[in-house]
Amino acid sequence: MTEAHVENQLFRFTPAIKLDPQRVIDEVGGKRSGGYVTLSLVAPRATLLIDMDGKIIVHGCRKQDLAHLAAKEVMLRLGEDESGMTFEVGPVVATFDLDSTVSLEGVPDLYPDAVFDAELDCLRIDDTRHEIKMLLFRNGRGIATEARHGKLVSMAARRWKQRLSDENLLG
């Protein structure tokens, strides 16, 4: 069974009050990076980006409750109330393993949604059915991006494994 392992999930929190990114720099030790202020937390382990609109984007947490704790910590360290903060779930980055090697060269001829990337020596697959993008390597391992949920990655990996098996492209 091909199961996906969620490596990262993005969460975006919108505080009830407009958060001033400069306050995060001055009071909490954030660092400016382009149009964002970044802040690394140890517990929970997460990297936060505060955009110019005052929204908090949490990287590095796989679960919403941990991401919420990270956003809440910033608000509390600024002396602000975190009640009324809303959140959105962003894309998932996940890995999977087909448990067999893949003969990459034959795939693009059979499936136009798969393109061979010579620089990375992998297939770039735009899986519109599951709404994800995948990199599939010769060793059968894959990376999925822009997925809405880890289960969609598992479903897509199983589908591609079956398709490749049907065409005798698995080792």
N, C-alpha and C. Protein backbone atom coordinates (compact mmCIF):
# COMPACT_ATOMS: atom_id res chain seq x y z
N MET A 1 0.85 -1.19 0.00
CA MET A 1 0.00 0.00 0.00
C MET A 1 0.89 1.24 0.00
N THR A 2 0.65 2.15 -0.89
CA THR A 2 1.44 3.36 -1.03
C THR A 2 0.82 4.47 -0.19
N GLU A 3 1.49 4.80 0.89
CA GLU A 3 0.99 5.83 1.79
C GLU A 3 1.87 7.06 1.72
N ALA A 4 1.29 8.22 1.82
CA ALA A 4 2.03 9.48 1.80
C ALA A 4 2.40 9.88 3.21
N HIS A 5 3.55 10.51 3.33
CA HIS A 5 4.00 11.06 4.60
C HIS A 5 4.01 12.58 4.45
N VAL A 6 3.17 13.27 5.20
CA VAL A 6 3.09 14.73 5.12
C VAL A 6 4.35 15.31 5.75
N GLU A 7 5.08 16.09 4.96
CA GLU A 7 6.31 16.72 5.43
C GLU A 7 6.04 18.13 5.95
N ASN A 8 5.10 18.80 5.32
CA ASN A 8 4.81 20.18 5.71
C ASN A 8 3.38 20.53 5.31
N GLN A 9 2.75 21.33 6.13
CA GLN A 9 1.40 21.83 5.87
C GLN A 9 1.43 23.32 6.16
N LEU A 10 0.91 24.12 5.29
CA LEU A 10 0.86 25.55 5.52
C LEU A 10 -0.45 25.94 6.17
N PHE A 11 -0.35 26.86 7.12
CA PHE A 11 -1.54 27.42 7.77
C PHE A 11 -1.38 28.94 7.77
N ARG A 12 -2.48 29.65 7.50
CA ARG A 12 -2.45 31.10 7.56
C ARG A 12 -3.49 31.56 8.57
N PHE A 13 -3.03 32.34 9.55
CA PHE A 13 -3.89 32.85 10.61
C PHE A 13 -4.08 34.35 10.41
N THR A 14 -5.32 34.79 10.57
CA THR A 14 -5.64 36.21 10.48
C THR A 14 -6.13 36.66 11.84
N PRO A 15 -5.30 37.45 12.55
CA PRO A 15 -5.72 37.95 13.87
C PRO A 15 -6.91 38.89 13.75
N ALA A 16 -7.66 39.03 14.84
CA ALA A 16 -8.82 39.93 14.86
C ALA A 16 -8.37 41.38 14.70
N ILE A 17 -7.17 41.70 15.20
CA ILE A 17 -6.61 43.04 15.02
C ILE A 17 -5.54 42.99 13.94
N LYS A 18 -5.28 44.11 13.30
CA LYS A 18 -4.22 44.13 12.28
C LYS A 18 -2.87 44.11 12.99
N LEU A 19 -2.10 43.08 12.72
CA LEU A 19 -0.79 42.90 13.34
C LEU A 19 0.24 43.71 12.58
N ASP A 20 1.01 44.56 13.29
CA ASP A 20 2.05 45.38 12.67
C ASP A 20 3.34 44.57 12.60
N PRO A 21 3.82 44.25 11.40
CA PRO A 21 5.04 43.46 11.27
C PRO A 21 6.25 44.11 11.96
N GLN A 22 6.30 45.43 12.00
CA GLN A 22 7.42 46.11 12.66
C GLN A 22 7.43 45.82 14.16
N ARG A 23 6.26 45.68 14.76
CA ARG A 23 6.20 45.30 16.18
C ARG A 23 6.81 43.93 16.42
N VAL A 24 6.61 43.01 15.49
CA VAL A 24 7.19 41.68 15.62
C VAL A 24 8.72 41.78 15.61
N ILE A 25 9.25 42.65 14.79
CA ILE A 25 10.70 42.88 14.76
C ILE A 25 11.17 43.50 16.07
N ASP A 26 10.52 44.57 16.49
CA ASP A 26 10.95 45.33 17.67
C ASP A 26 10.74 44.59 18.98
N GLU A 27 9.61 43.90 19.13
CA GLU A 27 9.25 43.33 20.42
C GLU A 27 9.51 41.83 20.56
N VAL A 28 9.57 41.11 19.44
CA VAL A 28 9.68 39.66 19.53
C VAL A 28 10.97 39.14 18.88
N GLY A 29 11.67 40.00 18.15
CA GLY A 29 12.94 39.59 17.53
C GLY A 29 12.81 39.02 16.14
N GLY A 30 11.75 39.35 15.43
CA GLY A 30 11.61 38.90 14.05
C GLY A 30 12.63 39.56 13.15
N LYS A 31 12.84 38.97 11.99
CA LYS A 31 13.81 39.48 11.00
C LYS A 31 13.06 39.78 9.71
N ARG A 32 13.36 40.95 9.13
CA ARG A 32 12.73 41.30 7.86
C ARG A 32 13.38 40.51 6.74
N SER A 33 12.55 39.98 5.85
CA SER A 33 13.02 39.24 4.68
C SER A 33 12.08 39.57 3.53
N GLY A 34 12.48 40.52 2.71
CA GLY A 34 11.62 40.96 1.61
C GLY A 34 10.35 41.59 2.16
N GLY A 35 9.21 41.12 1.68
CA GLY A 35 7.93 41.65 2.12
C GLY A 35 7.38 40.97 3.37
N TYR A 36 8.19 40.17 4.04
CA TYR A 36 7.74 39.43 5.21
C TYR A 36 8.66 39.68 6.39
N VAL A 37 8.15 39.36 7.57
CA VAL A 37 8.96 39.30 8.77
C VAL A 37 8.96 37.83 9.18
N THR A 38 10.14 37.27 9.38
CA THR A 38 10.24 35.86 9.76
C THR A 38 10.58 35.73 11.23
N LEU A 39 10.11 34.66 11.81
CA LEU A 39 10.35 34.37 13.22
C LEU A 39 10.40 32.86 13.38
N SER A 40 11.47 32.36 14.00
CA SER A 40 11.60 30.93 14.24
C SER A 40 11.28 30.64 15.69
N LEU A 41 10.46 29.63 15.91
CA LEU A 41 10.12 29.20 17.26
C LEU A 41 10.71 27.82 17.52
N VAL A 42 11.05 27.57 18.78
CA VAL A 42 11.61 26.28 19.16
C VAL A 42 10.50 25.33 19.60
N ALA A 43 9.57 25.84 20.40
CA ALA A 43 8.47 24.99 20.88
C ALA A 43 7.17 25.78 20.76
N PRO A 44 6.27 25.43 19.89
CA PRO A 44 6.42 24.36 18.91
C PRO A 44 7.41 24.76 17.82
N ARG A 45 8.12 23.79 17.27
CA ARG A 45 9.10 24.07 16.22
C ARG A 45 8.35 24.51 14.97
N ALA A 46 8.57 25.76 14.60
CA ALA A 46 7.87 26.31 13.45
C ALA A 46 8.58 27.57 12.98
N THR A 47 8.38 27.89 11.73
CA THR A 47 8.84 29.15 11.17
C THR A 47 7.60 29.94 10.80
N LEU A 48 7.55 31.17 11.26
CA LEU A 48 6.39 32.02 11.00
C LEU A 48 6.78 33.15 10.07
N LEU A 49 5.89 33.47 9.16
CA LEU A 49 6.04 34.62 8.28
C LEU A 49 4.87 35.55 8.57
N ILE A 50 5.19 36.79 8.83
CA ILE A 50 4.13 37.78 9.03
C ILE A 50 4.16 38.67 7.79
N ASP A 51 3.06 38.72 7.06
CA ASP A 51 3.04 39.52 5.84
C ASP A 51 2.66 40.96 6.16
N MET A 52 2.67 41.79 5.14
CA MET A 52 2.40 43.22 5.33
C MET A 52 0.95 43.49 5.72
N ASP A 53 0.07 42.52 5.51
CA ASP A 53 -1.33 42.65 5.93
C ASP A 53 -1.53 42.20 7.37
N GLY A 54 -0.45 41.73 8.02
CA GLY A 54 -0.55 41.29 9.41
C GLY A 54 -1.02 39.87 9.59
N LYS A 55 -1.05 39.10 8.51
CA LYS A 55 -1.42 37.70 8.61
C LYS A 55 -0.19 36.88 8.98
N ILE A 56 -0.42 35.79 9.71
CA ILE A 56 0.66 34.93 10.17
C ILE A 56 0.60 33.62 9.39
N ILE A 57 1.67 33.32 8.67
CA ILE A 57 1.77 32.07 7.91
C ILE A 57 2.71 31.17 8.69
N VAL A 58 2.25 29.97 9.01
CA VAL A 58 3.04 29.03 9.81
C VAL A 58 3.53 27.90 8.91
N HIS A 59 4.86 27.72 8.88
CA HIS A 59 5.53 26.63 8.17
C HIS A 59 6.07 25.65 9.19
N GLY A 60 6.13 24.38 8.84
CA GLY A 60 6.83 23.41 9.66
C GLY A 60 5.97 22.61 10.61
N CYS A 61 4.71 22.89 10.69
CA CYS A 61 3.80 22.10 11.54
C CYS A 61 2.92 21.26 10.62
N ARG A 62 2.68 20.05 11.05
CA ARG A 62 1.80 19.18 10.26
C ARG A 62 0.38 19.20 10.78
N LYS A 63 0.20 19.69 11.98
CA LYS A 63 -1.13 19.67 12.59
C LYS A 63 -1.57 21.09 12.92
N GLN A 64 -2.86 21.31 12.74
CA GLN A 64 -3.42 22.64 12.94
C GLN A 64 -3.28 23.12 14.38
N ASP A 65 -3.44 22.23 15.36
CA ASP A 65 -3.36 22.67 16.74
C ASP A 65 -1.97 23.18 17.10
N LEU A 66 -0.92 22.56 16.57
CA LEU A 66 0.43 23.05 16.81
C LEU A 66 0.68 24.38 16.10
N ALA A 67 0.17 24.50 14.87
CA ALA A 67 0.30 25.76 14.15
C ALA A 67 -0.43 26.88 14.89
N HIS A 68 -1.60 26.56 15.45
CA HIS A 68 -2.36 27.55 16.21
C HIS A 68 -1.58 27.98 17.45
N LEU A 69 -0.93 27.03 18.13
CA LEU A 69 -0.10 27.39 19.30
C LEU A 69 1.03 28.32 18.91
N ALA A 70 1.63 28.09 17.76
CA ALA A 70 2.72 28.96 17.29
C ALA A 70 2.21 30.38 17.03
N ALA A 71 1.08 30.50 16.34
CA ALA A 71 0.51 31.83 16.06
C ALA A 71 0.07 32.50 17.36
N LYS A 72 -0.50 31.71 18.26
CA LYS A 72 -0.95 32.23 19.55
C LYS A 72 0.23 32.76 20.36
N GLU A 73 1.37 32.04 20.32
CA GLU A 73 2.55 32.49 21.06
C GLU A 73 3.00 33.87 20.60
N VAL A 74 2.99 34.12 19.32
CA VAL A 74 3.38 35.44 18.81
C VAL A 74 2.42 36.50 19.33
N MET A 75 1.15 36.22 19.24
CA MET A 75 0.16 37.20 19.71
C MET A 75 0.34 37.49 21.21
N LEU A 76 0.53 36.45 22.01
CA LEU A 76 0.68 36.63 23.46
C LEU A 76 1.98 37.36 23.80
N ARG A 77 3.05 37.06 23.07
CA ARG A 77 4.32 37.75 23.32
C ARG A 77 4.22 39.24 22.96
N LEU A 78 3.30 39.57 22.08
CA LEU A 78 3.05 40.98 21.73
C LEU A 78 2.04 41.63 22.68
N GLY A 79 1.49 40.82 23.58
CA GLY A 79 0.51 41.34 24.53
C GLY A 79 -0.87 41.50 23.91
N GLU A 80 -1.13 40.79 22.85
CA GLU A 80 -2.42 40.90 22.15
C GLU A 80 -3.27 39.67 22.44
N ASP A 81 -4.57 39.86 22.38
CA ASP A 81 -5.53 38.77 22.57
C ASP A 81 -5.63 37.97 21.26
N GLU A 82 -5.54 36.67 21.35
CA GLU A 82 -5.61 35.85 20.15
C GLU A 82 -7.03 35.39 19.82
N SER A 83 -7.99 35.73 20.67
CA SER A 83 -9.36 35.30 20.38
C SER A 83 -9.86 35.99 19.11
N GLY A 84 -10.65 35.28 18.37
CA GLY A 84 -11.20 35.80 17.12
C GLY A 84 -10.28 35.60 15.93
N MET A 85 -9.13 34.95 16.16
CA MET A 85 -8.20 34.70 15.06
C MET A 85 -8.77 33.59 14.19
N THR A 86 -8.81 33.81 12.89
CA THR A 86 -9.29 32.81 11.96
C THR A 86 -8.10 32.16 11.25
N PHE A 87 -8.35 31.02 10.62
CA PHE A 87 -7.26 30.36 9.91
C PHE A 87 -7.73 29.74 8.61
N GLU A 88 -6.76 29.56 7.71
CA GLU A 88 -6.97 28.87 6.45
C GLU A 88 -5.91 27.79 6.33
N VAL A 89 -6.29 26.68 5.75
CA VAL A 89 -5.34 25.60 5.53
C VAL A 89 -4.78 25.73 4.13
N GLY A 90 -3.46 25.71 4.03
CA GLY A 90 -2.80 25.83 2.74
C GLY A 90 -2.36 24.48 2.20
N PRO A 91 -1.50 24.49 1.20
CA PRO A 91 -1.09 23.25 0.55
C PRO A 91 -0.20 22.36 1.41
N VAL A 92 -0.19 21.09 1.06
CA VAL A 92 0.61 20.06 1.73
C VAL A 92 1.80 19.70 0.83
N VAL A 93 2.93 19.46 1.45
CA VAL A 93 4.07 18.84 0.78
C VAL A 93 4.21 17.46 1.41
N ALA A 94 4.21 16.42 0.58
CA ALA A 94 4.25 15.05 1.09
C ALA A 94 5.19 14.20 0.25
N THR A 95 5.70 13.13 0.87
CA THR A 95 6.54 12.18 0.15
C THR A 95 5.85 10.82 0.13
N PHE A 96 6.24 10.00 -0.83
CA PHE A 96 5.69 8.65 -0.94
C PHE A 96 6.72 7.75 -1.61
N ASP A 97 6.50 6.44 -1.56
CA ASP A 97 7.41 5.47 -2.16
C ASP A 97 6.56 4.40 -2.85
N LEU A 98 6.83 4.17 -4.14
CA LEU A 98 6.09 3.16 -4.89
C LEU A 98 6.63 1.75 -4.65
N ASP A 99 7.70 1.63 -3.87
CA ASP A 99 8.30 0.33 -3.53
C ASP A 99 8.80 -0.44 -4.75
N SER A 100 9.16 0.26 -5.80
CA SER A 100 9.78 -0.37 -6.95
C SER A 100 10.37 0.72 -7.83
N THR A 101 11.30 0.33 -8.69
CA THR A 101 11.92 1.31 -9.59
C THR A 101 10.96 1.64 -10.73
N VAL A 102 11.21 2.79 -11.36
CA VAL A 102 10.34 3.26 -12.44
C VAL A 102 11.18 3.47 -13.69
N SER A 103 10.70 2.98 -14.81
CA SER A 103 11.33 3.20 -16.10
C SER A 103 10.77 4.51 -16.65
N LEU A 104 11.49 5.59 -16.39
CA LEU A 104 10.98 6.93 -16.66
C LEU A 104 10.77 7.25 -18.14
N GLU A 105 11.66 6.76 -18.98
CA GLU A 105 11.65 7.17 -20.38
C GLU A 105 10.35 6.85 -21.12
N GLY A 106 9.70 5.77 -20.81
CA GLY A 106 8.49 5.39 -21.53
C GLY A 106 7.23 6.11 -21.09
N VAL A 107 7.28 6.76 -19.95
CA VAL A 107 6.06 7.34 -19.38
C VAL A 107 5.50 8.52 -20.18
N PRO A 108 6.32 9.52 -20.57
CA PRO A 108 5.73 10.68 -21.27
C PRO A 108 5.03 10.32 -22.58
N ASP A 109 5.47 9.25 -23.25
CA ASP A 109 4.80 8.84 -24.49
C ASP A 109 3.40 8.32 -24.22
N LEU A 110 3.20 7.70 -23.07
CA LEU A 110 1.90 7.13 -22.72
C LEU A 110 0.98 8.10 -22.00
N TYR A 111 1.58 8.99 -21.22
CA TYR A 111 0.79 9.89 -20.38
C TYR A 111 1.26 11.33 -20.59
N PRO A 112 0.47 12.14 -21.28
CA PRO A 112 0.89 13.52 -21.56
C PRO A 112 0.97 14.41 -20.31
N ASP A 113 0.39 13.98 -19.18
CA ASP A 113 0.48 14.79 -17.96
C ASP A 113 1.79 14.53 -17.22
N ALA A 114 2.67 13.70 -17.79
CA ALA A 114 3.99 13.42 -17.21
C ALA A 114 5.06 13.89 -18.20
N VAL A 115 5.98 14.69 -17.70
CA VAL A 115 7.06 15.23 -18.53
C VAL A 115 8.39 14.84 -17.89
N PHE A 116 9.32 14.37 -18.72
CA PHE A 116 10.63 13.98 -18.20
C PHE A 116 11.46 15.24 -17.94
N ASP A 117 12.04 15.34 -16.74
CA ASP A 117 12.92 16.44 -16.37
C ASP A 117 14.34 15.88 -16.33
N ALA A 118 15.14 16.17 -17.36
CA ALA A 118 16.49 15.61 -17.47
C ALA A 118 17.41 16.16 -16.39
N GLU A 119 17.22 17.38 -15.98
CA GLU A 119 18.08 17.99 -14.96
C GLU A 119 17.95 17.27 -13.62
N LEU A 120 16.73 16.93 -13.23
CA LEU A 120 16.50 16.22 -11.97
C LEU A 120 16.44 14.71 -12.15
N ASP A 121 16.40 14.25 -13.40
CA ASP A 121 16.26 12.83 -13.72
C ASP A 121 15.01 12.25 -13.04
N CYS A 122 13.89 12.89 -13.33
CA CYS A 122 12.62 12.46 -12.75
C CYS A 122 11.48 12.84 -13.70
N LEU A 123 10.30 12.41 -13.34
CA LEU A 123 9.10 12.82 -14.06
C LEU A 123 8.44 13.95 -13.29
N ARG A 124 7.98 14.94 -14.00
CA ARG A 124 7.13 15.99 -13.42
C ARG A 124 5.72 15.66 -13.86
N ILE A 125 4.88 15.39 -12.90
CA ILE A 125 3.51 14.98 -13.20
C ILE A 125 2.54 16.03 -12.69
N ASP A 126 1.70 16.51 -13.58
CA ASP A 126 0.63 17.44 -13.21
C ASP A 126 -0.65 16.62 -13.15
N ASP A 127 -0.97 16.12 -11.97
CA ASP A 127 -2.12 15.25 -11.77
C ASP A 127 -3.35 16.10 -11.52
N THR A 128 -4.08 16.41 -12.58
CA THR A 128 -5.26 17.27 -12.46
C THR A 128 -6.42 16.55 -11.77
N ARG A 129 -6.43 15.23 -11.84
CA ARG A 129 -7.49 14.46 -11.19
C ARG A 129 -7.45 14.66 -9.66
N HIS A 130 -6.25 14.65 -9.09
CA HIS A 130 -6.09 14.82 -7.64
C HIS A 130 -5.63 16.22 -7.26
N GLU A 131 -5.45 17.07 -8.26
CA GLU A 131 -5.05 18.47 -8.07
C GLU A 131 -3.73 18.59 -7.29
N ILE A 132 -2.72 17.83 -7.75
CA ILE A 132 -1.39 17.93 -7.15
C ILE A 132 -0.34 17.89 -8.25
N LYS A 133 0.84 18.33 -7.89
CA LYS A 133 2.00 18.22 -8.76
C LYS A 133 2.97 17.27 -8.07
N MET A 134 3.58 16.38 -8.86
CA MET A 134 4.48 15.38 -8.29
C MET A 134 5.80 15.35 -9.04
N LEU A 135 6.83 14.99 -8.30
CA LEU A 135 8.12 14.61 -8.88
C LEU A 135 8.26 13.13 -8.58
N LEU A 136 8.47 12.31 -9.60
CA LEU A 136 8.62 10.88 -9.42
C LEU A 136 9.99 10.47 -9.93
N PHE A 137 10.79 9.87 -9.05
CA PHE A 137 12.17 9.52 -9.36
C PHE A 137 12.29 8.04 -9.74
N ARG A 138 13.42 7.70 -10.36
CA ARG A 138 13.68 6.33 -10.84
C ARG A 138 13.58 5.29 -9.73
N ASN A 139 13.96 5.67 -8.52
CA ASN A 139 13.95 4.71 -7.41
C ASN A 139 12.54 4.48 -6.85
N GLY A 140 11.53 5.12 -7.44
CA GLY A 140 10.15 4.93 -7.02
C GLY A 140 9.69 5.88 -5.95
N ARG A 141 10.58 6.75 -5.51
CA ARG A 141 10.18 7.72 -4.50
C ARG A 141 9.64 8.97 -5.17
N GLY A 142 8.73 9.62 -4.47
CA GLY A 142 8.10 10.79 -5.04
C GLY A 142 7.86 11.88 -4.02
N ILE A 143 7.72 13.09 -4.55
CA ILE A 143 7.41 14.26 -3.74
C ILE A 143 6.19 14.92 -4.37
N ALA A 144 5.20 15.19 -3.56
CA ALA A 144 3.98 15.85 -4.04
C ALA A 144 3.89 17.23 -3.43
N THR A 145 3.51 18.19 -4.25
CA THR A 145 3.33 19.56 -3.78
C THR A 145 1.94 20.04 -4.19
N GLU A 146 1.55 21.11 -3.58
CA GLU A 146 0.28 21.77 -3.89
C GLU A 146 -0.93 20.88 -3.67
N ALA A 147 -0.80 19.90 -2.78
CA ALA A 147 -1.94 19.03 -2.47
C ALA A 147 -2.79 19.65 -1.37
N ARG A 148 -4.07 19.34 -1.39
CA ARG A 148 -4.96 19.84 -0.35
C ARG A 148 -4.94 18.97 0.89
N HIS A 149 -4.54 17.70 0.73
CA HIS A 149 -4.53 16.79 1.88
C HIS A 149 -3.61 15.61 1.57
N GLY A 150 -2.99 15.06 2.62
CA GLY A 150 -2.10 13.92 2.46
C GLY A 150 -2.79 12.71 1.86
N LYS A 151 -4.08 12.54 2.13
CA LYS A 151 -4.81 11.39 1.59
C LYS A 151 -4.93 11.47 0.06
N LEU A 152 -5.02 12.70 -0.46
CA LEU A 152 -5.05 12.86 -1.92
C LEU A 152 -3.73 12.42 -2.53
N VAL A 153 -2.63 12.68 -1.84
CA VAL A 153 -1.32 12.25 -2.31
C VAL A 153 -1.25 10.73 -2.35
N SER A 154 -1.74 10.08 -1.30
CA SER A 154 -1.76 8.62 -1.27
C SER A 154 -2.60 8.06 -2.41
N MET A 155 -3.75 8.66 -2.66
CA MET A 155 -4.62 8.21 -3.74
C MET A 155 -3.93 8.37 -5.09
N ALA A 156 -3.29 9.52 -5.29
CA ALA A 156 -2.59 9.78 -6.55
C ALA A 156 -1.43 8.81 -6.74
N ALA A 157 -0.67 8.56 -5.68
CA ALA A 157 0.47 7.64 -5.77
C ALA A 157 0.00 6.23 -6.13
N ARG A 158 -1.09 5.78 -5.49
CA ARG A 158 -1.62 4.45 -5.81
C ARG A 158 -2.10 4.38 -7.26
N ARG A 159 -2.75 5.45 -7.72
CA ARG A 159 -3.23 5.47 -9.11
C ARG A 159 -2.07 5.40 -10.08
N TRP A 160 -1.03 6.20 -9.83
CA TRP A 160 0.12 6.19 -10.73
C TRP A 160 0.87 4.87 -10.66
N LYS A 161 0.94 4.28 -9.50
CA LYS A 161 1.60 2.97 -9.39
C LYS A 161 0.85 1.95 -10.24
N GLN A 162 -0.46 1.96 -10.18
CA GLN A 162 -1.27 1.03 -10.98
C GLN A 162 -1.10 1.30 -12.47
N ARG A 163 -1.13 2.56 -12.86
CA ARG A 163 -0.97 2.92 -14.28
C ARG A 163 0.38 2.46 -14.81
N LEU A 164 1.44 2.71 -14.03
CA LEU A 164 2.79 2.32 -14.46
C LEU A 164 2.94 0.81 -14.47
N SER A 165 2.33 0.14 -13.52
CA SER A 165 2.36 -1.32 -13.48
C SER A 165 1.66 -1.92 -14.69
N ASP A 166 0.50 -1.35 -15.05
CA ASP A 166 -0.26 -1.83 -16.21
C ASP A 166 0.56 -1.75 -17.50
N GLU A 167 1.47 -0.79 -17.57
CA GLU A 167 2.29 -0.59 -18.78
C GLU A 167 3.68 -1.23 -18.64
N ASN A 168 3.88 -2.04 -17.57
CA ASN A 168 5.16 -2.71 -17.31
C ASN A 168 6.33 -1.72 -17.20
N LEU A 169 6.09 -0.60 -16.55
CA LEU A 169 7.13 0.42 -16.37
C LEU A 169 7.70 0.41 -14.95
N LEU A 170 7.26 -0.53 -14.14
CA LEU A 170 7.82 -0.68 -12.79
C LEU A 170 8.78 -1.86 -12.78
N GLY A 171 9.88 -1.69 -11.99
CA GLY A 171 10.90 -2.75 -11.92
C GLY A 171 10.59 -3.81 -10.91
